[in-house]
Protein backbone atom coordinates (compact mmCIF):
# COMPACT_ATOMS: atom_id res chain seq x y z
CA UNK A 1 58.36 -208.10 166.44
CA UNK A 2 61.76 -206.67 165.44
CA UNK A 3 64.19 -206.23 168.34
CA UNK A 4 65.00 -202.71 167.05
CA UNK A 5 62.58 -199.92 166.22
CA UNK A 6 64.77 -198.98 163.25
CA UNK A 7 63.68 -202.21 161.55
CA UNK A 8 60.15 -200.79 161.24
CA UNK A 9 58.94 -198.37 158.54
CA UNK A 10 59.50 -194.78 159.68
CA UNK A 11 56.37 -192.62 159.34
CA UNK A 12 57.64 -189.33 160.76
CA UNK A 13 60.54 -187.86 162.74
CA UNK A 14 60.34 -184.68 164.80
CA UNK A 15 62.49 -182.74 167.25
CA UNK A 16 61.71 -185.23 170.04
CA UNK A 17 59.83 -188.23 168.59
CA UNK A 18 59.88 -190.85 165.89
CA UNK A 19 56.73 -192.60 164.67
CA UNK A 20 56.95 -196.07 163.14
CA UNK A 21 54.33 -198.14 161.33
CA UNK A 22 53.24 -201.20 163.27
CA UNK A 23 50.57 -202.73 161.08
CA UNK A 24 47.32 -200.90 161.81
CA UNK A 25 48.95 -199.28 164.84
CA UNK A 26 51.82 -196.86 165.45
CA UNK A 27 54.94 -197.14 167.58
CA UNK A 28 55.60 -193.72 169.15
CA UNK A 29 59.18 -193.39 170.42
CA UNK A 30 60.27 -190.49 172.64
CA UNK A 31 63.98 -189.69 172.36
CA UNK A 32 66.26 -188.03 174.90
CA UNK A 33 66.75 -185.08 172.52
CA UNK A 34 66.08 -181.58 173.77
CA UNK A 35 65.63 -178.35 171.84
CA UNK A 36 65.55 -174.67 172.64
CA UNK A 37 64.35 -171.98 170.27
CA UNK A 38 63.29 -174.78 167.88
CA UNK A 39 66.87 -176.06 167.49
CA UNK A 40 67.93 -179.49 168.81
CA UNK A 41 71.07 -179.56 170.95
CA UNK A 42 73.75 -182.14 169.99
CA UNK A 43 73.54 -183.91 173.36
CA UNK A 44 70.34 -184.94 175.09
CA UNK A 45 69.03 -185.55 178.60
CA UNK A 46 69.44 -189.22 179.64
CA UNK A 47 66.10 -190.73 180.62
CA UNK A 48 64.02 -187.80 179.30
CA UNK A 49 62.21 -189.95 176.73
CA UNK A 50 61.29 -192.47 179.40
CA UNK A 51 59.93 -189.71 181.68
CA UNK A 52 57.73 -188.40 178.86
CA UNK A 53 56.44 -191.88 178.05
CA UNK A 54 55.95 -192.95 181.66
CA UNK A 55 54.06 -189.79 182.59
CA UNK A 56 51.89 -190.01 179.46
CA UNK A 57 51.01 -193.61 180.30
CA UNK A 58 50.17 -192.59 183.88
CA UNK A 59 47.87 -189.78 182.76
CA UNK A 60 46.22 -191.82 180.01
CA UNK A 61 45.27 -194.38 182.67
CA UNK A 62 43.99 -191.65 185.04
CA UNK A 63 41.92 -189.68 182.53
CA UNK A 64 40.17 -192.37 180.49
CA UNK A 65 36.87 -191.51 182.16
CA UNK A 66 37.06 -187.98 180.71
CA UNK A 67 37.97 -188.81 177.11
CA UNK A 68 39.25 -191.85 175.19
CA UNK A 69 42.97 -191.93 174.35
CA UNK A 70 45.19 -193.64 171.81
CA UNK A 71 47.38 -195.58 174.28
CA UNK A 72 47.51 -199.38 173.85
CA UNK A 73 50.67 -200.63 175.57
CA UNK A 74 54.17 -199.65 176.70
CA UNK A 75 55.38 -203.26 176.58
CA UNK A 76 53.38 -205.46 174.19
CA UNK A 77 54.71 -204.98 170.68
CA UNK A 78 57.45 -202.55 171.78
CA UNK A 79 60.94 -203.46 170.46
CA UNK A 80 63.57 -204.17 173.10
CA UNK A 81 65.81 -201.25 172.17
CA UNK A 82 63.14 -198.63 172.93
CA UNK A 83 61.43 -200.17 175.95
CA UNK A 84 60.56 -197.57 178.58
CA UNK A 85 60.45 -194.67 176.12
CA UNK A 86 57.98 -195.98 173.55
CA UNK A 87 54.33 -196.89 173.38
CA UNK A 88 52.06 -198.64 170.91
CA UNK A 89 49.12 -196.39 170.04
CA UNK A 90 46.05 -196.32 167.83
CA UNK A 91 46.10 -194.52 164.51
CA UNK A 92 44.06 -191.33 164.52
CA UNK A 93 43.12 -188.58 162.11
CA UNK A 94 44.80 -185.76 164.04
CA UNK A 95 43.08 -182.38 164.19
CA UNK A 96 45.00 -179.25 163.08
CA UNK A 97 44.94 -177.33 166.40
CA UNK A 98 47.02 -177.27 169.57
CA UNK A 99 44.65 -177.19 172.53
CA UNK A 100 46.22 -175.04 175.24
CA UNK A 101 44.64 -174.53 178.67
CA UNK A 102 46.03 -171.89 181.03
CA UNK A 103 45.31 -171.77 184.73
CA UNK A 104 47.99 -169.13 185.44
CA UNK A 105 49.18 -166.11 183.46
CA UNK A 106 52.72 -166.79 182.27
CA UNK A 107 54.84 -167.32 179.18
CA UNK A 108 53.42 -166.05 175.88
CA UNK A 109 50.05 -165.51 177.57
CA UNK A 110 51.65 -163.04 179.96
CA UNK A 111 53.22 -161.14 177.06
CA UNK A 112 49.88 -160.97 175.23
CA UNK A 113 48.10 -159.84 178.39
CA UNK A 114 50.63 -157.06 178.99
CA UNK A 115 50.13 -155.83 175.44
CA UNK A 116 46.34 -156.14 175.09
CA UNK A 117 44.74 -157.23 178.36
CA UNK A 118 43.60 -160.36 176.50
CA UNK A 119 44.84 -163.87 175.67
CA UNK A 120 43.47 -165.50 172.49
CA UNK A 121 40.70 -162.90 172.43
CA UNK A 122 39.66 -163.61 176.03
CA UNK A 123 39.42 -160.48 178.18
CA UNK A 124 41.17 -160.94 181.54
CA UNK A 125 40.85 -158.90 184.75
CA UNK A 126 43.10 -155.83 184.96
CA UNK A 127 46.04 -155.73 187.34
CA UNK A 128 47.18 -159.33 187.06
CA UNK A 129 50.80 -160.01 187.99
CA UNK A 130 53.08 -162.44 186.19
CA UNK A 131 52.30 -166.02 187.33
CA UNK A 132 49.00 -165.05 188.99
CA UNK A 133 46.34 -167.74 189.10
CA UNK A 134 43.45 -166.95 186.75
CA UNK A 135 39.87 -166.77 188.11
CA UNK A 136 39.02 -169.77 185.90
CA UNK A 137 41.17 -171.71 183.41
CA UNK A 138 41.01 -170.41 179.84
CA UNK A 139 41.20 -172.26 176.52
CA UNK A 140 43.75 -170.61 174.21
CA UNK A 141 44.26 -172.70 171.07
CA UNK A 142 47.05 -172.30 168.55
CA UNK A 143 47.97 -173.45 165.09
CA UNK A 144 50.27 -176.42 164.47
CA UNK A 145 53.29 -174.99 162.73
CA UNK A 146 55.26 -177.32 160.46
CA UNK A 147 58.31 -175.14 161.10
CA UNK A 148 58.93 -172.31 163.55
CA UNK A 149 56.48 -171.34 166.27
CA UNK A 150 52.79 -172.16 166.69
CA UNK A 151 50.56 -169.09 166.36
CA UNK A 152 47.94 -168.22 168.98
CA UNK A 153 44.37 -168.10 167.66
CA UNK A 154 40.95 -167.60 169.24
CA UNK A 155 38.09 -170.10 169.42
CA UNK A 156 36.66 -168.86 166.13
CA UNK A 157 40.00 -169.41 164.41
CA UNK A 158 40.22 -172.92 165.85
CA UNK A 159 36.66 -173.66 164.68
CA UNK A 160 37.59 -172.55 161.19
CA UNK A 161 40.59 -174.90 161.13
CA UNK A 162 38.63 -177.89 162.45
CA UNK A 163 35.53 -177.12 160.37
CA UNK A 164 32.99 -178.17 163.00
CA UNK A 165 31.77 -175.80 165.73
CA UNK A 166 30.16 -178.52 167.86
CA UNK A 167 33.32 -180.63 167.73
CA UNK A 168 35.49 -177.63 168.61
CA UNK A 169 33.21 -176.84 171.53
CA UNK A 170 33.59 -180.40 172.82
CA UNK A 171 37.37 -180.20 172.41
CA UNK A 172 37.44 -176.97 174.44
CA UNK A 173 35.26 -178.44 177.20
CA UNK A 174 37.25 -181.68 177.37
CA UNK A 175 40.55 -179.79 177.42
CA UNK A 176 39.44 -177.69 180.39
CA UNK A 177 38.08 -180.76 182.21
CA UNK A 178 41.39 -182.58 181.70
CA UNK A 179 43.29 -179.57 182.98
CA UNK A 180 41.14 -179.23 186.11
CA UNK A 181 41.48 -182.94 186.90
CA UNK A 182 45.26 -182.98 186.39
CA UNK A 183 45.81 -179.68 188.23
CA UNK A 184 43.94 -181.01 191.27
CA UNK A 185 45.93 -184.25 191.27
CA UNK A 186 49.25 -182.42 190.86
CA UNK A 187 48.45 -179.86 193.58
CA UNK A 188 47.83 -182.67 196.08
CA UNK A 189 51.41 -183.73 195.37
CA UNK A 190 52.98 -180.32 195.78
CA UNK A 191 53.05 -179.40 192.09
CA UNK A 192 51.25 -176.56 190.28
CA UNK A 193 50.10 -177.23 186.72
CA UNK A 194 50.29 -173.72 185.28
CA UNK A 195 49.29 -174.60 181.73
CA UNK A 196 49.31 -177.52 179.33
CA UNK A 197 48.80 -178.46 175.69
CA UNK A 198 46.69 -181.31 174.28
CA UNK A 199 46.38 -182.80 170.82
CA UNK A 200 43.23 -184.57 169.67
CA UNK A 201 42.23 -186.74 166.77
CA UNK A 202 39.30 -188.77 165.50
CA UNK A 203 39.28 -192.57 165.43
CA UNK A 204 37.87 -194.71 162.63
CA UNK A 205 34.35 -194.27 164.07
CA UNK A 206 34.71 -190.48 164.22
CA UNK A 207 34.97 -190.40 168.03
CA UNK A 208 37.14 -187.79 169.76
CA UNK A 209 40.39 -189.27 171.11
CA UNK A 210 43.36 -187.60 172.81
CA UNK A 211 46.71 -188.49 171.23
CA UNK A 212 50.41 -187.60 171.22
CA UNK A 213 51.85 -187.11 174.74
CA UNK A 214 49.80 -185.78 177.61
CA UNK A 215 50.59 -183.70 180.70
CA UNK A 216 54.37 -184.17 180.49
CA UNK A 217 57.06 -181.58 181.35
CA UNK A 218 57.47 -181.04 177.58
CA UNK A 219 53.78 -180.27 176.98
CA UNK A 220 53.04 -178.61 180.33
CA UNK A 221 54.39 -175.99 182.69
CA UNK A 222 54.83 -177.56 186.16
CA UNK A 223 55.95 -175.48 189.14
CA UNK A 224 56.93 -176.59 192.67
CA UNK A 225 54.08 -175.34 194.88
CA UNK A 226 56.33 -174.59 197.84
CA UNK A 227 58.34 -172.09 195.78
CA UNK A 228 55.39 -170.36 194.11
CA UNK A 229 55.38 -166.56 194.39
CA UNK A 230 53.37 -164.46 191.92
CA UNK A 231 54.91 -161.34 190.47
CA UNK A 232 57.83 -163.12 188.77
CA UNK A 233 58.72 -166.14 186.68
CA UNK A 234 58.67 -169.45 188.57
CA UNK A 235 61.17 -172.29 188.92
CA UNK A 236 59.84 -175.18 186.87
CA UNK A 237 60.14 -178.88 186.10
CA UNK A 238 60.32 -178.38 182.34
CA UNK A 239 63.17 -177.40 180.03
CA UNK A 240 63.18 -173.79 181.23
CA UNK A 241 66.45 -174.66 182.99
CA UNK A 242 67.97 -175.34 179.55
CA UNK A 243 66.37 -172.23 178.02
CA UNK A 244 67.82 -170.08 180.80
CA UNK A 245 71.29 -171.48 180.16
CA UNK A 246 70.91 -171.04 176.39
CA UNK A 247 69.86 -167.41 176.78
CA UNK A 248 72.94 -166.70 178.91
CA UNK A 249 75.36 -168.66 176.75
CA UNK A 250 75.88 -166.09 174.01
CA UNK A 251 74.39 -168.42 171.39
CA UNK A 252 72.51 -166.44 168.72
CA UNK A 253 69.64 -169.00 168.62
CA UNK A 254 70.40 -170.10 165.06
CA UNK A 255 71.57 -173.64 164.10
CA UNK A 256 73.66 -175.36 165.13
CA UNK A 257 72.76 -175.34 168.83
CA UNK A 258 75.66 -175.57 171.32
CA UNK A 259 76.40 -178.66 173.37
CA UNK A 260 74.87 -178.56 176.84
CA UNK A 261 77.39 -178.59 179.72
CA UNK A 262 77.29 -181.57 182.12
CA UNK A 263 75.77 -179.56 184.98
CA UNK A 264 72.89 -178.38 182.76
CA UNK A 265 72.27 -181.96 181.59
CA UNK A 266 72.32 -183.27 185.16
CA UNK A 267 70.11 -180.45 186.47
CA UNK A 268 67.56 -180.92 183.70
CA UNK A 269 67.42 -184.69 184.20
CA UNK A 270 66.89 -184.15 187.92
CA UNK A 271 63.92 -181.86 187.23
CA UNK A 272 62.26 -184.28 184.79
CA UNK A 273 62.68 -187.24 187.12
CA UNK A 274 61.47 -185.20 190.10
CA UNK A 275 58.31 -184.28 188.16
CA UNK A 276 57.65 -187.95 187.37
CA UNK A 277 58.15 -189.06 190.96
CA UNK A 278 56.05 -186.31 192.52
CA UNK A 279 53.15 -186.72 190.14
CA UNK A 280 53.02 -190.52 189.98
CA UNK A 281 54.00 -191.15 193.60
CA UNK A 282 56.49 -193.85 192.61
CA UNK A 283 60.27 -194.00 191.99
CA UNK A 284 61.23 -193.43 188.35
CA UNK A 285 63.19 -196.70 188.48
CA UNK A 286 59.88 -198.56 188.96
CA UNK A 287 58.74 -197.42 185.52
CA UNK A 288 61.98 -198.46 183.80
CA UNK A 289 61.92 -201.84 185.60
CA UNK A 290 58.26 -202.41 184.68
CA UNK A 291 58.91 -201.76 180.99
CA UNK A 292 62.32 -203.46 180.70
CA UNK A 293 62.65 -206.28 178.10
């Protein structure tokens, strides 16, 4: 095994991750990069990649009874230079939909509800306030955009993309079951899981498998339960802290993105680490020690 991930063939590079070929497997490396408005800032958040990887590994271990996942190891086969923020995973044929589950009305769902009373074609009760808990979680899929923003679609649109109604129905049901399980776990630890996004694929036998990252602050909206108050936006453990700074900074949201000031970097790191520690029940340093070379 090379000591450096860069010695491996690069399959893909995104805003946050690199994927490297590892024989019949893939090395998935989470960087410390952070983006707002689809533009990556020149400086990152130290330890962010390790939080994403550590939380994904935690949730993959907790949810295996609901659906199979692609996780193999965070240590075996992982080059020394990316230990703690990388995992070896199975290759999958990824499906072309983002699988979003919402338990609270916020973000783009709140905007759609204000305009139409619906989210992804699902009629919601009248009179909801921003950040209200929904009567039951809803499945609101979206497209996977190569560039720019994903586009919200309804179940029929997702079925058309996947090409199999029964499979799409199973994906919807599994997504909601995962959300309910994770939301219950998080709530016991003083954290509200407002919404989350899953990505699924098929393995070589055609079985449904969850891939990518799962239930991290980058793919989920986590709120501190003791500060929750419907009728407004909520403080969160995700990169909303960076978005708020970016929106106040005077930046016009076109490349290049401005450098993040030290207090924004420190505040964002604190939120990511806090999310890890609350949800897993262990110090973040335990994860980095456990995965160290």
